[in-house]
Amino acid sequence: MYKARDCGTLPALVKHVMEVEKGWDYIPSASTHGAMNDASKRLRENDSPKSYAAHGGLVPEPMPSTAATQVCVSKLPPGVKSVKEWGRNMVSFGKYMGKRSYASIYESDDDEVISYKRWLMSHYAKGSPQLRDLVDYLTEMKDRVVVSTGSDQGVFIPGTNIQRRLMN
């Protein structure tokens, strides 16, 4: 239900449930009727449990999944319209100030740049806003040095620029 609310489909879900389950009543939360025991959960002798068979045996069609249609939206900095535009930013601090763009650092396999990316990561917590912006870009691009993909493929052997390679 929370997912439906967050995705904006809750009203449609409630409408669908109310149409299919016409025999059900809405009980306000501030009701003063009833007791706080399990008696209300037991069926009376003349009651029968609600089922979809009462509606001609038709099971209602499932709501369309929002997961199938959800698009992963990047966390772009304010004023940046796309990841491509973000990558065109020139580095504005340190070793590559005015010499390289974020994208050129991301695309580089040079040992010196790989070492620089590791240095960036080690200084992220106390780094300048410019450093954090560059690391955030590299993280968004899922840079192999910056982001662990969750598997041992793409992880470097400590102290080297050699990528781990696993046998199948």
Foldseek 3Di string as FASTA:
>chain_A
DVVCVVVVNVVVVVVVCCVQCVVDDDDDPPDPDDDPDCPVVDDDPPDDDDDSVVVVPDDDDDDDDVVVVDDDDAPDDPPDDDLVSQQQQAQCDPDRHVNHGLVVLLPDPDPVSLVVLVVLLVCCVVDDPSSVSSLSSSVSVVRLSNHDPPDQASDADPPDSHRDDDDD
